């Protein structure tokens, strides 16, 4: 006794389901590849970047800012110009299996020193200005708020940043575990540049 052949309707339905699964799978692969190498979003877990970024904020990260990586790897298919002083970046922690959000304060070839939370680059103190809303620091082309509580945290340097290395710090200088503790980081651990806060107790868009 042979099994009954599938009817045309059953065969047609099976083909349609197969096509839909293939299309969905291809879409999911493209989406995941894009998140891996082009753009992604993160939820900020700590206050080390306050007052610029607050715990619970959701940020947009441009993973292609400094180069295009092979999807799902840290290998660059193409490298662009590296992070600039003042950039807010997302990076893999050199100490733990987690992602950090920090600001670049030292790039290859620059001589950096930190005293009382204030940054000197090539012997020049980064300017700050006091406003009613707080203290602001000028790093490169970026004017951003900082906190200098707890004496601004530990001092560092002076030291000249080696090739392909970066010094990263939190804007909350007195309460940030950053490059002053774990040292310089390699460019390859920098995942991308944080572009904006898109959610803070509701939809928003604040550039970083």
C-alpha atoms as a PDB file:
ATOM      1  CA  UNK A   1       0.000   0.000   0.000  1.00  0.00           C
ATOM      2  CA  UNK A   2       1.651   3.258  -1.118  1.00  0.00           C
ATOM      3  CA  UNK A   3       1.294   6.595   0.616  1.00  0.00           C
ATOM      4  CA  UNK A   4      -0.990   9.077  -1.045  1.00  0.00           C
ATOM      5  CA  UNK A   5       0.734  11.712  -3.172  1.00  0.00           C
ATOM      6  CA  UNK A   6       0.493  15.286  -1.800  1.00  0.00           C
ATOM      7  CA  UNK A   7      -2.249  17.217  -3.492  1.00  0.00           C
ATOM      8  CA  UNK A   8      -1.369  20.268  -5.630  1.00  0.00           C
ATOM      9  CA  UNK A   9      -2.746  22.505  -2.878  1.00  0.00           C
ATOM     10  CA  UNK A  10      -0.501  20.902  -0.248  1.00  0.00           C
ATOM     11  CA  UNK A  11       2.547  21.135  -2.543  1.00  0.00           C
ATOM     12  CA  UNK A  12       1.819  24.781  -3.301  1.00  0.00           C
ATOM     13  CA  UNK A  13       1.463  25.603   0.399  1.00  0.00           C
ATOM     14  CA  UNK A  14       4.723  23.806   1.208  1.00  0.00           C
ATOM     15  CA  UNK A  15       6.584  25.740  -1.497  1.00  0.00           C
ATOM     16  CA  UNK A  16       5.150  29.033  -0.225  1.00  0.00           C
ATOM     17  CA  UNK A  17       6.201  28.286   3.362  1.00  0.00           C
ATOM     18  CA  UNK A  18       9.689  27.308   2.163  1.00  0.00           C
ATOM     19  CA  UNK A  19      10.038  30.558   0.192  1.00  0.00           C
ATOM     20  CA  UNK A  20       8.867  32.601   3.181  1.00  0.00           C
ATOM     21  CA  UNK A  21      11.364  30.875   5.467  1.00  0.00           C
ATOM     22  CA  UNK A  22      14.191  31.504   3.002  1.00  0.00           C
ATOM     23  CA  UNK A  23      13.253  35.165   2.629  1.00  0.00           C
ATOM     24  CA  UNK A  24      12.993  35.573   6.409  1.00  0.00           C
ATOM     25  CA  UNK A  25      16.329  33.836   6.919  1.00  0.00           C
ATOM     26  CA  UNK A  26      18.042  36.052   4.336  1.00  0.00           C
ATOM     27  CA  UNK A  27      16.519  39.170   5.903  1.00  0.00           C
ATOM     28  CA  UNK A  28      17.629  38.108   9.388  1.00  0.00           C
ATOM     29  CA  UNK A  29      21.165  37.422   8.123  1.00  0.00           C
ATOM     30  CA  UNK A  30      21.379  40.843   6.454  1.00  0.00           C
ATOM     31  CA  UNK A  31      20.024  42.512   9.589  1.00  0.00           C
ATOM     32  CA  UNK A  32      22.469  40.740  11.885  1.00  0.00           C
ATOM     33  CA  UNK A  33      25.364  41.446   9.517  1.00  0.00           C
ATOM     34  CA  UNK A  34      24.436  45.112   9.476  1.00  0.00           C
ATOM     35  CA  UNK A  35      24.279  45.254  13.271  1.00  0.00           C
ATOM     36  CA  UNK A  36      27.614  43.470  13.444  1.00  0.00           C
ATOM     37  CA  UNK A  37      29.536  45.749  11.069  1.00  0.00           C
ATOM     38  CA  UNK A  38      27.549  48.924  10.268  1.00  0.00           C
ATOM     39  CA  UNK A  39      25.280  50.201  13.051  1.00  0.00           C
ATOM     40  CA  UNK A  40      23.766  49.078  16.336  1.00  0.00           C
ATOM     41  CA  UNK A  41      22.275  50.402  19.548  1.00  0.00           C
ATOM     42  CA  UNK A  42      23.200  49.956  23.209  1.00  0.00           C
ATOM     43  CA  UNK A  43      21.660  50.602  26.598  1.00  0.00           C
ATOM     44  CA  UNK A  44      24.008  52.472  28.950  1.00  0.00           C
ATOM     45  CA  UNK A  45      24.448  50.505  32.213  1.00  0.00           C
ATOM     46  CA  UNK A  46      26.490  52.877  34.434  1.00  0.00           C
ATOM     47  CA  UNK A  47      27.033  56.536  35.250  1.00  0.00           C
ATOM     48  CA  UNK A  48      30.687  56.750  34.196  1.00  0.00           C
ATOM     49  CA  UNK A  49      29.796  59.095  31.317  1.00  0.00           C
ATOM     50  CA  UNK A  50      27.483  61.390  33.286  1.00  0.00           C
ATOM     51  CA  UNK A  51      26.367  64.068  32.706  1.00  0.00           C
ATOM     52  CA  UNK A  52      26.780  63.511  28.946  1.00  0.00           C
ATOM     53  CA  UNK A  53      25.062  60.128  29.036  1.00  0.00           C
ATOM     54  CA  UNK A  54      22.930  58.788  31.864  1.00  0.00           C
ATOM     55  CA  UNK A  55      22.314  55.212  33.058  1.00  0.00           C
ATOM     56  CA  UNK A  56      19.444  53.706  31.084  1.00  0.00           C
ATOM     57  CA  UNK A  57      20.003  55.909  28.029  1.00  0.00           C
ATOM     58  CA  UNK A  58      19.861  54.152  24.692  1.00  0.00           C
ATOM     59  CA  UNK A  59      22.440  55.245  22.163  1.00  0.00           C
ATOM     60  CA  UNK A  60      23.051  54.792  18.451  1.00  0.00           C
ATOM     61  CA  UNK A  61      26.500  53.482  17.518  1.00  0.00           C
ATOM     62  CA  UNK A  62      28.092  53.907  14.105  1.00  0.00           C
ATOM     63  CA  UNK A  63      30.195  50.767  13.762  1.00  0.00           C
ATOM     64  CA  UNK A  64      31.487  51.850  10.347  1.00  0.00           C
ATOM     65  CA  UNK A  65      32.897  55.163  11.626  1.00  0.00           C
ATOM     66  CA  UNK A  66      36.490  53.931  11.676  1.00  0.00           C
ATOM     67  CA  UNK A  67      36.329  51.104   9.144  1.00  0.00           C
ATOM     68  CA  UNK A  68      34.216  48.249   7.846  1.00  0.00           C
ATOM     69  CA  UNK A  69      34.594  44.932   9.644  1.00  0.00           C
ATOM     70  CA  UNK A  70      33.959  41.452   8.332  1.00  0.00           C
ATOM     71  CA  UNK A  71      30.520  40.606   9.805  1.00  0.00           C
ATOM     72  CA  UNK A  72      30.602  38.809  13.173  1.00  0.00           C
ATOM     73  CA  UNK A  73      34.366  39.398  13.593  1.00  0.00           C
ATOM     74  CA  UNK A  74      36.774  42.111  14.786  1.00  0.00           C
ATOM     75  CA  UNK A  75      38.715  41.903  11.503  1.00  0.00           C
ATOM     76  CA  UNK A  76      38.709  45.065   9.398  1.00  0.00           C
ATOM     77  CA  UNK A  77      37.902  44.613   5.724  1.00  0.00           C
ATOM     78  CA  UNK A  78      38.700  48.298   5.246  1.00  0.00           C
ATOM     79  CA  UNK A  79      40.156  50.828   7.714  1.00  0.00           C
ATOM     80  CA  UNK A  80      39.313  54.519   7.803  1.00  0.00           C
ATOM     81  CA  UNK A  81      40.847  57.296   9.872  1.00  0.00           C
ATOM     82  CA  UNK A  82      40.978  56.301  13.532  1.00  0.00           C
ATOM     83  CA  UNK A  83      39.099  57.820  16.483  1.00  0.00           C
ATOM     84  CA  UNK A  84      39.721  61.503  17.155  1.00  0.00           C
ATOM     85  CA  UNK A  85      40.235  63.207  20.489  1.00  0.00           C
ATOM     86  CA  UNK A  86      36.796  64.006  21.862  1.00  0.00           C
ATOM     87  CA  UNK A  87      34.966  61.100  20.186  1.00  0.00           C
ATOM     88  CA  UNK A  88      32.616  59.037  22.362  1.00  0.00           C
ATOM     89  CA  UNK A  89      33.255  55.374  21.570  1.00  0.00           C
ATOM     90  CA  UNK A  90      31.946  51.940  22.431  1.00  0.00           C
ATOM     91  CA  UNK A  91      34.661  49.377  23.102  1.00  0.00           C
ATOM     92  CA  UNK A  92      35.248  45.917  24.484  1.00  0.00           C
ATOM     93  CA  UNK A  93      36.503  46.094  28.060  1.00  0.00           C
ATOM     94  CA  UNK A  94      40.099  44.878  28.426  1.00  0.00           C
ATOM     95  CA  UNK A  95      39.232  43.603  31.904  1.00  0.00           C
ATOM     96  CA  UNK A  96      35.809  41.964  31.658  1.00  0.00           C
ATOM     97  CA  UNK A  97      33.476  40.435  29.112  1.00  0.00           C
ATOM     98  CA  UNK A  98      31.391  43.573  28.642  1.00  0.00           C
ATOM     99  CA  UNK A  99      31.093  46.683  26.507  1.00  0.00           C
ATOM    100  CA  UNK A 100      32.184  50.139  27.719  1.00  0.00           C
ATOM    101  CA  UNK A 101      31.229  53.672  26.717  1.00  0.00           C
ATOM    102  CA  UNK A 102      34.089  56.185  27.044  1.00  0.00           C
ATOM    103  CA  UNK A 103      35.555  59.336  25.498  1.00  0.00           C
ATOM    104  CA  UNK A 104      38.839  59.332  23.578  1.00  0.00           C
ATOM    105  CA  UNK A 105      41.286  61.719  25.276  1.00  0.00           C
ATOM    106  CA  UNK A 106      44.554  60.481  23.763  1.00  0.00           C
ATOM    107  CA  UNK A 107      45.431  59.322  20.252  1.00  0.00           C
ATOM    108  CA  UNK A 108      48.636  57.864  18.772  1.00  0.00           C
ATOM    109  CA  UNK A 109      51.553  60.282  19.004  1.00  0.00           C
ATOM    110  CA  UNK A 110      49.965  62.694  21.491  1.00  0.00           C
ATOM    111  CA  UNK A 111      51.478  63.297  24.924  1.00  0.00           C
ATOM    112  CA  UNK A 112      48.752  63.136  27.541  1.00  0.00           C
ATOM    113  CA  UNK A 113      48.642  63.922  31.225  1.00  0.00           C
ATOM    114  CA  UNK A 114      45.695  63.884  33.648  1.00  0.00           C
ATOM    115  CA  UNK A 115      45.746  65.956  36.835  1.00  0.00           C
ATOM    116  CA  UNK A 116      42.708  66.321  39.061  1.00  0.00           C
ATOM    117  CA  UNK A 117      40.500  65.123  36.227  1.00  0.00           C
ATOM    118  CA  UNK A 118      41.810  67.855  33.896  1.00  0.00           C
ATOM    119  CA  UNK A 119      43.479  66.773  30.671  1.00  0.00           C
ATOM    120  CA  UNK A 120      46.704  68.153  29.195  1.00  0.00           C
ATOM    121  CA  UNK A 121      47.403  67.292  25.563  1.00  0.00           C
ATOM    122  CA  UNK A 122      50.929  67.998  24.304  1.00  0.00           C
ATOM    123  CA  UNK A 123      51.440  70.209  27.341  1.00  0.00           C
ATOM    124  CA  UNK A 124      48.299  72.295  26.826  1.00  0.00           C
ATOM    125  CA  UNK A 125      45.457  72.145  29.326  1.00  0.00           C
ATOM    126  CA  UNK A 126      42.100  71.417  27.719  1.00  0.00           C
ATOM    127  CA  UNK A 127      39.996  74.577  28.254  1.00  0.00           C
ATOM    128  CA  UNK A 128      36.964  74.406  30.520  1.00  0.00           C
ATOM    129  CA  UNK A 129      34.142  76.867  31.119  1.00  0.00           C
ATOM    130  CA  UNK A 130      31.625  77.014  33.905  1.00  0.00           C
ATOM    131  CA  UNK A 131      27.967  77.517  33.068  1.00  0.00           C
ATOM    132  CA  UNK A 132      24.786  77.478  35.100  1.00  0.00           C
ATOM    133  CA  UNK A 133      24.245  73.932  33.806  1.00  0.00           C
ATOM    134  CA  UNK A 134      27.692  72.702  34.871  1.00  0.00           C
ATOM    135  CA  UNK A 135      31.330  72.489  33.782  1.00  0.00           C
ATOM    136  CA  UNK A 136      32.182  72.064  30.091  1.00  0.00           C
ATOM    137  CA  UNK A 137      35.464  70.955  28.548  1.00  0.00           C
ATOM    138  CA  UNK A 138      36.792  71.568  25.043  1.00  0.00           C
ATOM    139  CA  UNK A 139      38.520  68.487  23.619  1.00  0.00           C
ATOM    140  CA  UNK A 140      39.480  68.938  19.989  1.00  0.00           C
ATOM    141  CA  UNK A 141      36.346  70.092  18.195  1.00  0.00           C
ATOM    142  CA  UNK A 142      34.076  68.754  20.934  1.00  0.00           C
ATOM    143  CA  UNK A 143      32.613  70.811  23.778  1.00  0.00           C
ATOM    144  CA  UNK A 144      31.076  68.498  26.361  1.00  0.00           C
ATOM    145  CA  UNK A 145      30.064  68.470  30.033  1.00  0.00           C
ATOM    146  CA  UNK A 146      32.230  66.841  32.689  1.00  0.00           C
ATOM    147  CA  UNK A 147      32.105  66.123  36.417  1.00  0.00           C
ATOM    148  CA  UNK A 148      35.141  66.611  38.628  1.00  0.00           C
ATOM    149  CA  UNK A 149      33.766  65.147  41.855  1.00  0.00           C
ATOM    150  CA  UNK A 150      36.047  63.138  44.151  1.00  0.00           C
ATOM    151  CA  UNK A 151      39.003  65.231  43.070  1.00  0.00           C
ATOM    152  CA  UNK A 152      38.531  64.180  39.457  1.00  0.00           C
ATOM    153  CA  UNK A 153      39.782  60.653  40.093  1.00  0.00           C
ATOM    154  CA  UNK A 154      43.353  59.356  39.806  1.00  0.00           C
ATOM    155  CA  UNK A 155      46.089  61.213  37.948  1.00  0.00           C
ATOM    156  CA  UNK A 156      47.780  59.650  34.925  1.00  0.00           C
ATOM    157  CA  UNK A 157      50.937  60.197  32.900  1.00  0.00           C
ATOM    158  CA  UNK A 158      52.454  62.131  31.359  1.00  0.00           C
ATOM    159  CA  UNK A 159      52.963  59.600  28.579  1.00  0.00           C
ATOM    160  CA  UNK A 160      53.143  59.590  24.791  1.00  0.00           C
ATOM    161  CA  UNK A 161      50.446  57.387  23.271  1.00  0.00           C
ATOM    162  CA  UNK A 162      51.906  54.524  21.229  1.00  0.00           C
ATOM    163  CA  UNK A 163      50.909  53.660  17.681  1.00  0.00           C
ATOM    164  CA  UNK A 164      47.487  52.037  17.338  1.00  0.00           C
ATOM    165  CA  UNK A 165      46.695  52.778  21.004  1.00  0.00           C
ATOM    166  CA  UNK A 166      44.189  55.128  22.634  1.00  0.00           C
ATOM    167  CA  UNK A 167      43.521  56.544  26.076  1.00  0.00           C
ATOM    168  CA  UNK A 168      39.818  56.550  26.939  1.00  0.00           C
ATOM    169  CA  UNK A 169      38.139  58.103  29.984  1.00  0.00           C
ATOM    170  CA  UNK A 170      34.679  58.730  31.346  1.00  0.00           C
ATOM    171  CA  UNK A 171      33.222  62.241  31.524  1.00  0.00           C
ATOM    172  CA  UNK A 172      32.363  61.532  35.157  1.00  0.00           C
ATOM    173  CA  UNK A 173      36.062  61.837  35.961  1.00  0.00           C
ATOM    174  CA  UNK A 174      35.805  61.124  39.673  1.00  0.00           C
ATOM    175  CA  UNK A 175      33.683  57.979  39.222  1.00  0.00           C
ATOM    176  CA  UNK A 176      34.862  56.163  36.114  1.00  0.00           C
ATOM    177  CA  UNK A 177      36.951  53.034  35.764  1.00  0.00           C
ATOM    178  CA  UNK A 178      38.760  53.853  32.559  1.00  0.00           C
ATOM    179  CA  UNK A 179      42.178  53.984  30.910  1.00  0.00           C
ATOM    180  CA  UNK A 180      43.740  55.420  34.054  1.00  0.00           C
ATOM    181  CA  UNK A 181      43.139  51.979  35.591  1.00  0.00           C
ATOM    182  CA  UNK A 182      43.318  49.488  32.714  1.00  0.00           C
ATOM    183  CA  UNK A 183      45.776  51.343  30.466  1.00  0.00           C
ATOM    184  CA  UNK A 184      45.747  52.127  26.779  1.00  0.00           C
ATOM    185  CA  UNK A 185      43.450  50.195  24.462  1.00  0.00           C
ATOM    186  CA  UNK A 186      44.098  48.883  20.979  1.00  0.00           C
ATOM    187  CA  UNK A 187      42.155  50.281  18.057  1.00  0.00           C
ATOM    188  CA  UNK A 188      40.683  46.861  17.237  1.00  0.00           C
ATOM    189  CA  UNK A 189      38.739  46.743  20.531  1.00  0.00           C
ATOM    190  CA  UNK A 190      36.956  50.001  19.651  1.00  0.00           C
ATOM    191  CA  UNK A 191      33.634  48.869  18.205  1.00  0.00           C
ATOM    192  CA  UNK A 192      32.394  52.205  16.882  1.00  0.00           C
ATOM    193  CA  UNK A 193      31.513  55.822  17.579  1.00  0.00           C
ATOM    194  CA  UNK A 194      28.462  56.677  19.675  1.00  0.00           C
ATOM    195  CA  UNK A 195      26.471  59.163  17.601  1.00  0.00           C
ATOM    196  CA  UNK A 196      23.450  60.119  19.684  1.00  0.00           C
ATOM    197  CA  UNK A 197      21.121  59.333  22.557  1.00  0.00           C
ATOM    198  CA  UNK A 198      17.815  58.283  20.996  1.00  0.00           C
ATOM    199  CA  UNK A 199      15.915  57.349  24.174  1.00  0.00           C
ATOM    200  CA  UNK A 200      15.968  58.949  27.627  1.00  0.00           C
ATOM    201  CA  UNK A 201      12.696  58.377  29.500  1.00  0.00           C
ATOM    202  CA  UNK A 202      11.090  58.674  26.086  1.00  0.00           C
ATOM    203  CA  UNK A 203      12.069  59.375  22.453  1.00  0.00           C
ATOM    204  CA  UNK A 204      14.783  62.003  22.031  1.00  0.00           C
ATOM    205  CA  UNK A 205      17.769  62.787  19.830  1.00  0.00           C
ATOM    206  CA  UNK A 206      20.840  64.283  21.456  1.00  0.00           C
ATOM    207  CA  UNK A 207      24.077  64.227  19.506  1.00  0.00           C
ATOM    208  CA  UNK A 208      27.268  63.154  21.296  1.00  0.00           C
END
